[in-house]
Amino acid sequence: MNCGEDIYPENITRMDVLRWRRHIITEKGLSKQILNNKVAHMHAIFNHTIKYKLISERENPFKLVVVKPDIKRKKH
């Protein structure tokens, strides 16, 4: 999958999602918390499309893709 390429939801694989996750964190520099928020939304959208048979039934490619957020240190 290349940036700017037309991709249909049915064709998105877990590997595509993992590459996208790496791109978001390393190249875009977004926080892990923002990534987890984006993943949660995409996970919900895919669950909806699978439930209502808008795409072929299969496992959600966003399942278990979250990243552990950085631990915030308390200020004393």
PDB file of N, CA and C in Angstrom:
ATOM      1  N   MET A   1       0.848  -1.177   0.000  1.00  0.00           N
ATOM      2  CA  MET A   1       0.000   0.000   0.000  1.00  0.00           C
ATOM      3  C   MET A   1       0.889   1.235   0.000  1.00  0.00           C
ATOM      4  N   ASN A   2       0.651   2.130  -0.930  1.00  0.00           N
ATOM      5  CA  ASN A   2       1.406   3.381  -1.023  1.00  0.00           C
ATOM      6  C   ASN A   2       0.508   4.555  -0.652  1.00  0.00           C
ATOM      7  N   CYS A   3       1.111   5.606  -0.121  1.00  0.00           N
ATOM      8  CA  CYS A   3       0.353   6.814   0.214  1.00  0.00           C
ATOM      9  C   CYS A   3      -0.299   7.375  -1.034  1.00  0.00           C
ATOM     10  N   GLY A   4      -1.536   7.798  -0.897  1.00  0.00           N
ATOM     11  CA  GLY A   4      -2.248   8.384  -2.011  1.00  0.00           C
ATOM     12  C   GLY A   4      -2.900   7.351  -2.913  1.00  0.00           C
ATOM     13  N   GLU A   5      -2.628   6.097  -2.686  1.00  0.00           N
ATOM     14  CA  GLU A   5      -3.196   5.026  -3.499  1.00  0.00           C
ATOM     15  C   GLU A   5      -4.626   4.759  -3.036  1.00  0.00           C
ATOM     16  N   ASP A   6      -5.533   4.536  -4.003  1.00  0.00           N
ATOM     17  CA  ASP A   6      -6.905   4.173  -3.639  1.00  0.00           C
ATOM     18  C   ASP A   6      -6.902   2.762  -3.085  1.00  0.00           C
ATOM     19  N   ILE A   7      -7.458   2.614  -1.901  1.00  0.00           N
ATOM     20  CA  ILE A   7      -7.520   1.292  -1.265  1.00  0.00           C
ATOM     21  C   ILE A   7      -8.929   1.111  -0.733  1.00  0.00           C
ATOM     22  N   TYR A   8      -9.480  -0.041  -0.928  1.00  0.00           N
ATOM     23  CA  TYR A   8     -10.813  -0.340  -0.444  1.00  0.00           C
ATOM     24  C   TYR A   8     -10.718  -1.035   0.911  1.00  0.00           C
ATOM     25  N   PRO A   9     -11.680  -0.773   1.804  1.00  0.00           N
ATOM     26  CA  PRO A   9     -11.632  -1.366   3.139  1.00  0.00           C
ATOM     27  C   PRO A   9     -11.454  -2.888   3.126  1.00  0.00           C
ATOM     28  N   GLU A  10     -12.069  -3.556   2.166  1.00  0.00           N
ATOM     29  CA  GLU A  10     -11.946  -5.024   2.086  1.00  0.00           C
ATOM     30  C   GLU A  10     -10.510  -5.479   1.866  1.00  0.00           C
ATOM     31  N   ASN A  11      -9.690  -4.607   1.277  1.00  0.00           N
ATOM     32  CA  ASN A  11      -8.323  -4.985   0.936  1.00  0.00           C
ATOM     33  C   ASN A  11      -7.304  -4.645   2.015  1.00  0.00           C
ATOM     34  N   ILE A  12      -7.737  -3.988   3.078  1.00  0.00           N
ATOM     35  CA  ILE A  12      -6.801  -3.609   4.145  1.00  0.00           C
ATOM     36  C   ILE A  12      -6.478  -4.832   4.994  1.00  0.00           C
ATOM     37  N   THR A  13      -5.204  -5.070   5.165  1.00  0.00           N
ATOM     38  CA  THR A  13      -4.748  -6.217   5.955  1.00  0.00           C
ATOM     39  C   THR A  13      -4.167  -5.732   7.279  1.00  0.00           C
ATOM     40  N   ARG A  14      -3.954  -6.674   8.160  1.00  0.00           N
ATOM     41  CA  ARG A  14      -3.313  -6.352   9.440  1.00  0.00           C
ATOM     42  C   ARG A  14      -1.925  -5.760   9.205  1.00  0.00           C
ATOM     43  N   MET A  15      -1.215  -6.279   8.199  1.00  0.00           N
ATOM     44  CA  MET A  15       0.121  -5.768   7.882  1.00  0.00           C
ATOM     45  C   MET A  15       0.048  -4.300   7.442  1.00  0.00           C
ATOM     46  N   ASP A  16      -0.971  -3.936   6.667  1.00  0.00           N
ATOM     47  CA  ASP A  16      -1.169  -2.533   6.270  1.00  0.00           C
ATOM     48  C   ASP A  16      -1.354  -1.660   7.503  1.00  0.00           C
ATOM     49  N   VAL A  17      -2.141  -2.147   8.449  1.00  0.00           N
ATOM     50  CA  VAL A  17      -2.415  -1.391   9.670  1.00  0.00           C
ATOM     51  C   VAL A  17      -1.134  -1.218  10.484  1.00  0.00           C
ATOM     52  N   LEU A  18      -0.330  -2.263  10.582  1.00  0.00           N
ATOM     53  CA  LEU A  18       0.922  -2.166  11.343  1.00  0.00           C
ATOM     54  C   LEU A  18       1.903  -1.193  10.678  1.00  0.00           C
ATOM     55  N   ARG A  19       1.939  -1.183   9.344  1.00  0.00           N
ATOM     56  CA  ARG A  19       2.803  -0.206   8.634  1.00  0.00           C
ATOM     57  C   ARG A  19       2.295   1.210   8.874  1.00  0.00           C
ATOM     58  N   TRP A  20       0.978   1.366   8.840  1.00  0.00           N
ATOM     59  CA  TRP A  20       0.370   2.678   9.079  1.00  0.00           C
ATOM     60  C   TRP A  20       0.697   3.139  10.495  1.00  0.00           C
ATOM     61  N   ARG A  21       0.615   2.222  11.474  1.00  0.00           N
ATOM     62  CA  ARG A  21       0.933   2.555  12.864  1.00  0.00           C
ATOM     63  C   ARG A  21       2.367   3.059  12.982  1.00  0.00           C
ATOM     64  N   ARG A  22       3.300   2.366  12.353  1.00  0.00           N
ATOM     65  CA  ARG A  22       4.709   2.774  12.399  1.00  0.00           C
ATOM     66  C   ARG A  22       4.884   4.144  11.746  1.00  0.00           C
ATOM     67  N   HIS A  23       4.206   4.376  10.629  1.00  0.00           N
ATOM     68  CA  HIS A  23       4.276   5.660   9.921  1.00  0.00           C
ATOM     69  C   HIS A  23       3.767   6.800  10.815  1.00  0.00           C
ATOM     70  N   ILE A  24       2.650   6.571  11.490  1.00  0.00           N
ATOM     71  CA  ILE A  24       2.055   7.600  12.355  1.00  0.00           C
ATOM     72  C   ILE A  24       3.016   7.979  13.487  1.00  0.00           C
ATOM     73  N   ILE A  25       3.643   6.982  14.091  1.00  0.00           N
ATOM     74  CA  ILE A  25       4.509   7.249  15.243  1.00  0.00           C
ATOM     75  C   ILE A  25       5.868   7.792  14.823  1.00  0.00           C
ATOM     76  N   THR A  26       6.507   7.158  13.846  1.00  0.00           N
ATOM     77  CA  THR A  26       7.885   7.538  13.515  1.00  0.00           C
ATOM     78  C   THR A  26       7.978   8.701  12.544  1.00  0.00           C
ATOM     79  N   GLU A  27       7.193   8.680  11.477  1.00  0.00           N
ATOM     80  CA  GLU A  27       7.332   9.720  10.460  1.00  0.00           C
ATOM     81  C   GLU A  27       6.478  10.944  10.733  1.00  0.00           C
ATOM     82  N   LYS A  28       5.281  10.748  11.235  1.00  0.00           N
ATOM     83  CA  LYS A  28       4.407  11.885  11.535  1.00  0.00           C
ATOM     84  C   LYS A  28       4.690  12.454  12.919  1.00  0.00           C
ATOM     85  N   GLY A  29       5.280  11.634  13.787  1.00  0.00           N
ATOM     86  CA  GLY A  29       5.630  12.101  15.127  1.00  0.00           C
ATOM     87  C   GLY A  29       4.461  12.298  16.066  1.00  0.00           C
ATOM     88  N   LEU A  30       3.332  11.656  15.771  1.00  0.00           N
ATOM     89  CA  LEU A  30       2.177  11.793  16.649  1.00  0.00           C
ATOM     90  C   LEU A  30       2.352  10.916  17.881  1.00  0.00           C
ATOM     91  N   SER A  31       1.701  11.297  18.947  1.00  0.00           N
ATOM     92  CA  SER A  31       1.846  10.561  20.206  1.00  0.00           C
ATOM     93  C   SER A  31       1.132   9.213  20.126  1.00  0.00           C
ATOM     94  N   LYS A  32       1.525   8.328  21.018  1.00  0.00           N
ATOM     95  CA  LYS A  32       0.902   7.006  21.080  1.00  0.00           C
ATOM     96  C   LYS A  32      -0.554   7.129  21.491  1.00  0.00           C
ATOM     97  N   GLN A  33      -0.858   8.113  22.304  1.00  0.00           N
ATOM     98  CA  GLN A  33      -2.238   8.338  22.736  1.00  0.00           C
ATOM     99  C   GLN A  33      -3.121   8.725  21.545  1.00  0.00           C
ATOM    100  N   ILE A  34      -2.613   9.590  20.677  1.00  0.00           N
ATOM    101  CA  ILE A  34      -3.368   9.969  19.477  1.00  0.00           C
ATOM    102  C   ILE A  34      -3.543   8.761  18.565  1.00  0.00           C
ATOM    103  N   LEU A  35      -2.480   7.969  18.411  1.00  0.00           N
ATOM    104  CA  LEU A  35      -2.581   6.769  17.585  1.00  0.00           C
ATOM    105  C   LEU A  35      -3.652   5.837  18.141  1.00  0.00           C
ATOM    106  N   ASN A  36      -3.652   5.593  19.427  1.00  0.00           N
ATOM    107  CA  ASN A  36      -4.640   4.701  20.033  1.00  0.00           C
ATOM    108  C   ASN A  36      -6.057   5.208  19.804  1.00  0.00           C
ATOM    109  N   ASN A  37      -6.230   6.530  19.826  1.00  0.00           N
ATOM    110  CA  ASN A  37      -7.533   7.122  19.556  1.00  0.00           C
ATOM    111  C   ASN A  37      -7.956   6.844  18.113  1.00  0.00           C
ATOM    112  N   LYS A  38      -7.035   7.022  17.179  1.00  0.00           N
ATOM    113  CA  LYS A  38      -7.324   6.760  15.763  1.00  0.00           C
ATOM    114  C   LYS A  38      -7.643   5.278  15.541  1.00  0.00           C
ATOM    115  N   VAL A  39      -6.879   4.402  16.184  1.00  0.00           N
ATOM    116  CA  VAL A  39      -7.105   2.956  16.058  1.00  0.00           C
ATOM    117  C   VAL A  39      -8.479   2.589  16.605  1.00  0.00           C
ATOM    118  N   ALA A  40      -8.857   3.160  17.747  1.00  0.00           N
ATOM    119  CA  ALA A  40     -10.164   2.865  18.343  1.00  0.00           C
ATOM    120  C   ALA A  40     -11.295   3.241  17.386  1.00  0.00           C
ATOM    121  N   HIS A  41     -11.155   4.391  16.734  1.00  0.00           N
ATOM    122  CA  HIS A  41     -12.184   4.807  15.779  1.00  0.00           C
ATOM    123  C   HIS A  41     -12.232   3.882  14.565  1.00  0.00           C
ATOM    124  N   MET A  42     -11.081   3.549  14.024  1.00  0.00           N
ATOM    125  CA  MET A  42     -11.045   2.667  12.850  1.00  0.00           C
ATOM    126  C   MET A  42     -11.548   1.266  13.213  1.00  0.00           C
ATOM    127  N   HIS A  43     -11.227   0.803  14.405  1.00  0.00           N
ATOM    128  CA  HIS A  43     -11.700  -0.502  14.877  1.00  0.00           C
ATOM    129  C   HIS A  43     -13.229  -0.516  14.909  1.00  0.00           C
ATOM    130  N   ALA A  44     -13.816   0.552  15.437  1.00  0.00           N
ATOM    131  CA  ALA A  44     -15.279   0.654  15.517  1.00  0.00           C
ATOM    132  C   ALA A  44     -15.905   0.694  14.124  1.00  0.00           C
ATOM    133  N   ILE A  45     -15.303   1.448  13.217  1.00  0.00           N
ATOM    134  CA  ILE A  45     -15.831   1.530  11.852  1.00  0.00           C
ATOM    135  C   ILE A  45     -15.779   0.158  11.181  1.00  0.00           C
ATOM    136  N   PHE A  46     -14.666  -0.543  11.331  1.00  0.00           N
ATOM    137  CA  PHE A  46     -14.552  -1.876  10.726  1.00  0.00           C
ATOM    138  C   PHE A  46     -15.544  -2.850  11.368  1.00  0.00           C
ATOM    139  N   ASN A  47     -15.727  -2.774  12.685  1.00  0.00           N
ATOM    140  CA  ASN A  47     -16.722  -3.642  13.332  1.00  0.00           C
ATOM    141  C   ASN A  47     -18.104  -3.413  12.741  1.00  0.00           C
ATOM    142  N   HIS A  48     -18.443  -2.164  12.524  1.00  0.00           N
ATOM    143  CA  HIS A  48     -19.744  -1.806  11.938  1.00  0.00           C
ATOM    144  C   HIS A  48     -19.870  -2.372  10.514  1.00  0.00           C
ATOM    145  N   THR A  49     -18.837  -2.180   9.707  1.00  0.00           N
ATOM    146  CA  THR A  49     -18.917  -2.654   8.318  1.00  0.00           C
ATOM    147  C   THR A  49     -18.987  -4.177   8.235  1.00  0.00           C
ATOM    148  N   ILE A  50     -18.323  -4.856   9.168  1.00  0.00           N
ATOM    149  CA  ILE A  50     -18.373  -6.326   9.193  1.00  0.00           C
ATOM    150  C   ILE A  50     -19.743  -6.787   9.687  1.00  0.00           C
ATOM    151  N   LYS A  51     -20.233  -6.163  10.749  1.00  0.00           N
ATOM    152  CA  LYS A  51     -21.527  -6.544  11.334  1.00  0.00           C
ATOM    153  C   LYS A  51     -22.658  -6.408  10.319  1.00  0.00           C
ATOM    154  N   TYR A  52     -22.651  -5.326   9.564  1.00  0.00           N
ATOM    155  CA  TYR A  52     -23.728  -5.078   8.605  1.00  0.00           C
ATOM    156  C   TYR A  52     -23.389  -5.563   7.195  1.00  0.00           C
ATOM    157  N   LYS A  53     -22.362  -6.391   7.123  1.00  0.00           N
ATOM    158  CA  LYS A  53     -21.974  -7.056   5.870  1.00  0.00           C
ATOM    159  C   LYS A  53     -21.719  -6.076   4.719  1.00  0.00           C
ATOM    160  N   LEU A  54     -21.135  -4.936   5.067  1.00  0.00           N
ATOM    161  CA  LEU A  54     -20.754  -3.967   4.048  1.00  0.00           C
ATOM    162  C   LEU A  54     -19.432  -4.376   3.398  1.00  0.00           C
ATOM    163  N   ILE A  55     -18.660  -5.186   4.109  1.00  0.00           N
ATOM    164  CA  ILE A  55     -17.468  -5.821   3.551  1.00  0.00           C
ATOM    165  C   ILE A  55     -17.551  -7.298   3.925  1.00  0.00           C
ATOM    166  N   SER A  56     -16.764  -8.116   3.256  1.00  0.00           N
ATOM    167  CA  SER A  56     -16.820  -9.547   3.540  1.00  0.00           C
ATOM    168  C   SER A  56     -16.431  -9.816   4.989  1.00  0.00           C
ATOM    169  N   GLU A  57     -17.092 -10.790   5.584  1.00  0.00           N
ATOM    170  CA  GLU A  57     -16.846 -11.095   6.994  1.00  0.00           C
ATOM    171  C   GLU A  57     -15.447 -11.672   7.175  1.00  0.00           C
ATOM    172  N   ARG A  58     -14.722 -11.077   8.069  1.00  0.00           N
ATOM    173  CA  ARG A  58     -13.361 -11.504   8.378  1.00  0.00           C
ATOM    174  C   ARG A  58     -12.967 -10.866   9.691  1.00  0.00           C
ATOM    175  N   GLU A  59     -11.748 -11.113  10.132  1.00  0.00           N
ATOM    176  CA  GLU A  59     -11.299 -10.503  11.381  1.00  0.00           C
ATOM    177  C   GLU A  59     -10.932  -9.041  11.141  1.00  0.00           C
ATOM    178  N   ASN A  60     -11.266  -8.226  12.101  1.00  0.00           N
ATOM    179  CA  ASN A  60     -10.977  -6.798  12.028  1.00  0.00           C
ATOM    180  C   ASN A  60      -9.454  -6.582  12.020  1.00  0.00           C
ATOM    181  N   PRO A  61      -8.909  -5.915  10.980  1.00  0.00           N
ATOM    182  CA  PRO A  61      -7.460  -5.715  10.916  1.00  0.00           C
ATOM    183  C   PRO A  61      -6.925  -4.776  11.998  1.00  0.00           C
ATOM    184  N   PHE A  62      -7.807  -4.047  12.673  1.00  0.00           N
ATOM    185  CA  PHE A  62      -7.384  -3.129  13.730  1.00  0.00           C
ATOM    186  C   PHE A  62      -7.437  -3.765  15.117  1.00  0.00           C
ATOM    187  N   LYS A  63      -7.812  -5.040  15.170  1.00  0.00           N
ATOM    188  CA  LYS A  63      -7.907  -5.740  16.453  1.00  0.00           C
ATOM    189  C   LYS A  63      -6.513  -5.871  17.077  1.00  0.00           C
ATOM    190  N   LEU A  64      -6.394  -5.489  18.329  1.00  0.00           N
ATOM    191  CA  LEU A  64      -5.156  -5.602  19.114  1.00  0.00           C
ATOM    192  C   LEU A  64      -3.977  -4.827  18.529  1.00  0.00           C
ATOM    193  N   VAL A  65      -4.237  -3.664  17.964  1.00  0.00           N
ATOM    194  CA  VAL A  65      -3.173  -2.865  17.349  1.00  0.00           C
ATOM    195  C   VAL A  65      -2.731  -1.721  18.259  1.00  0.00           C
ATOM    196  N   VAL A  66      -3.317  -1.557  19.416  1.00  0.00           N
ATOM    197  CA  VAL A  66      -2.985  -0.434  20.292  1.00  0.00           C
ATOM    198  C   VAL A  66      -1.512  -0.454  20.719  1.00  0.00           C
ATOM    199  N   VAL A  67      -1.043   0.709  21.095  1.00  0.00           N
ATOM    200  CA  VAL A  67       0.333   0.880  21.551  1.00  0.00           C
ATOM    201  C   VAL A  67       0.269   1.357  22.995  1.00  0.00           C
ATOM    202  N   LYS A  68       1.133   0.824  23.839  1.00  0.00           N
ATOM    203  CA  LYS A  68       1.153   1.280  25.229  1.00  0.00           C
ATOM    204  C   LYS A  68       1.599   2.736  25.258  1.00  0.00           C
ATOM    205  N   PRO A  69       0.774   3.601  25.855  1.00  0.00           N
ATOM    206  CA  PRO A  69       1.166   5.014  25.918  1.00  0.00           C
ATOM    207  C   PRO A  69       2.356   5.214  26.856  1.00  0.00           C
ATOM    208  N   ASP A  70       3.083   6.286  26.620  1.00  0.00           N
ATOM    209  CA  ASP A  70       4.204   6.627  27.493  1.00  0.00           C
ATOM    210  C   ASP A  70       3.663   6.935  28.886  1.00  0.00           C
ATOM    211  N   ILE A  71       4.435   6.563  29.884  1.00  0.00           N
ATOM    212  CA  ILE A  71       4.030   6.821  31.273  1.00  0.00           C
ATOM    213  C   ILE A  71       4.321   8.278  31.599  1.00  0.00           C
ATOM    214  N   LYS A  72       3.275   8.956  32.075  1.00  0.00           N
ATOM    215  CA  LYS A  72       3.451  10.357  32.459  1.00  0.00           C
ATOM    216  C   LYS A  72       4.008  10.396  33.878  1.00  0.00           C
ATOM    217  N   ARG A  73       5.034  11.158  34.023  1.00  0.00           N
ATOM    218  CA  ARG A  73       5.629  11.307  35.358  1.00  0.00           C
ATOM    219  C   ARG A  73       4.926  12.431  36.096  1.00  0.00           C
ATOM    220  N   LYS A  74       4.691  12.203  37.366  1.00  0.00           N
ATOM    221  CA  LYS A  74       4.033  13.219  38.180  1.00  0.00           C
ATOM    222  C   LYS A  74       5.028  14.319  38.531  1.00  0.00           C
ATOM    223  N   LYS A  75       4.546  15.543  38.460  1.00  0.00           N
ATOM    224  CA  LYS A  75       5.376  16.675  38.872  1.00  0.00           C
ATOM    225  C   LYS A  75       5.247  16.828  40.369  1.00  0.00           C
ATOM    226  N   HIS A  76       6.347  17.041  41.016  1.00  0.00           N
ATOM    227  CA  HIS A  76       6.331  17.229  42.486  1.00  0.00           C
ATOM    228  C   HIS A  76       6.418  18.662  42.849  1.00  0.00           C
TER     229      HIS A  76
END
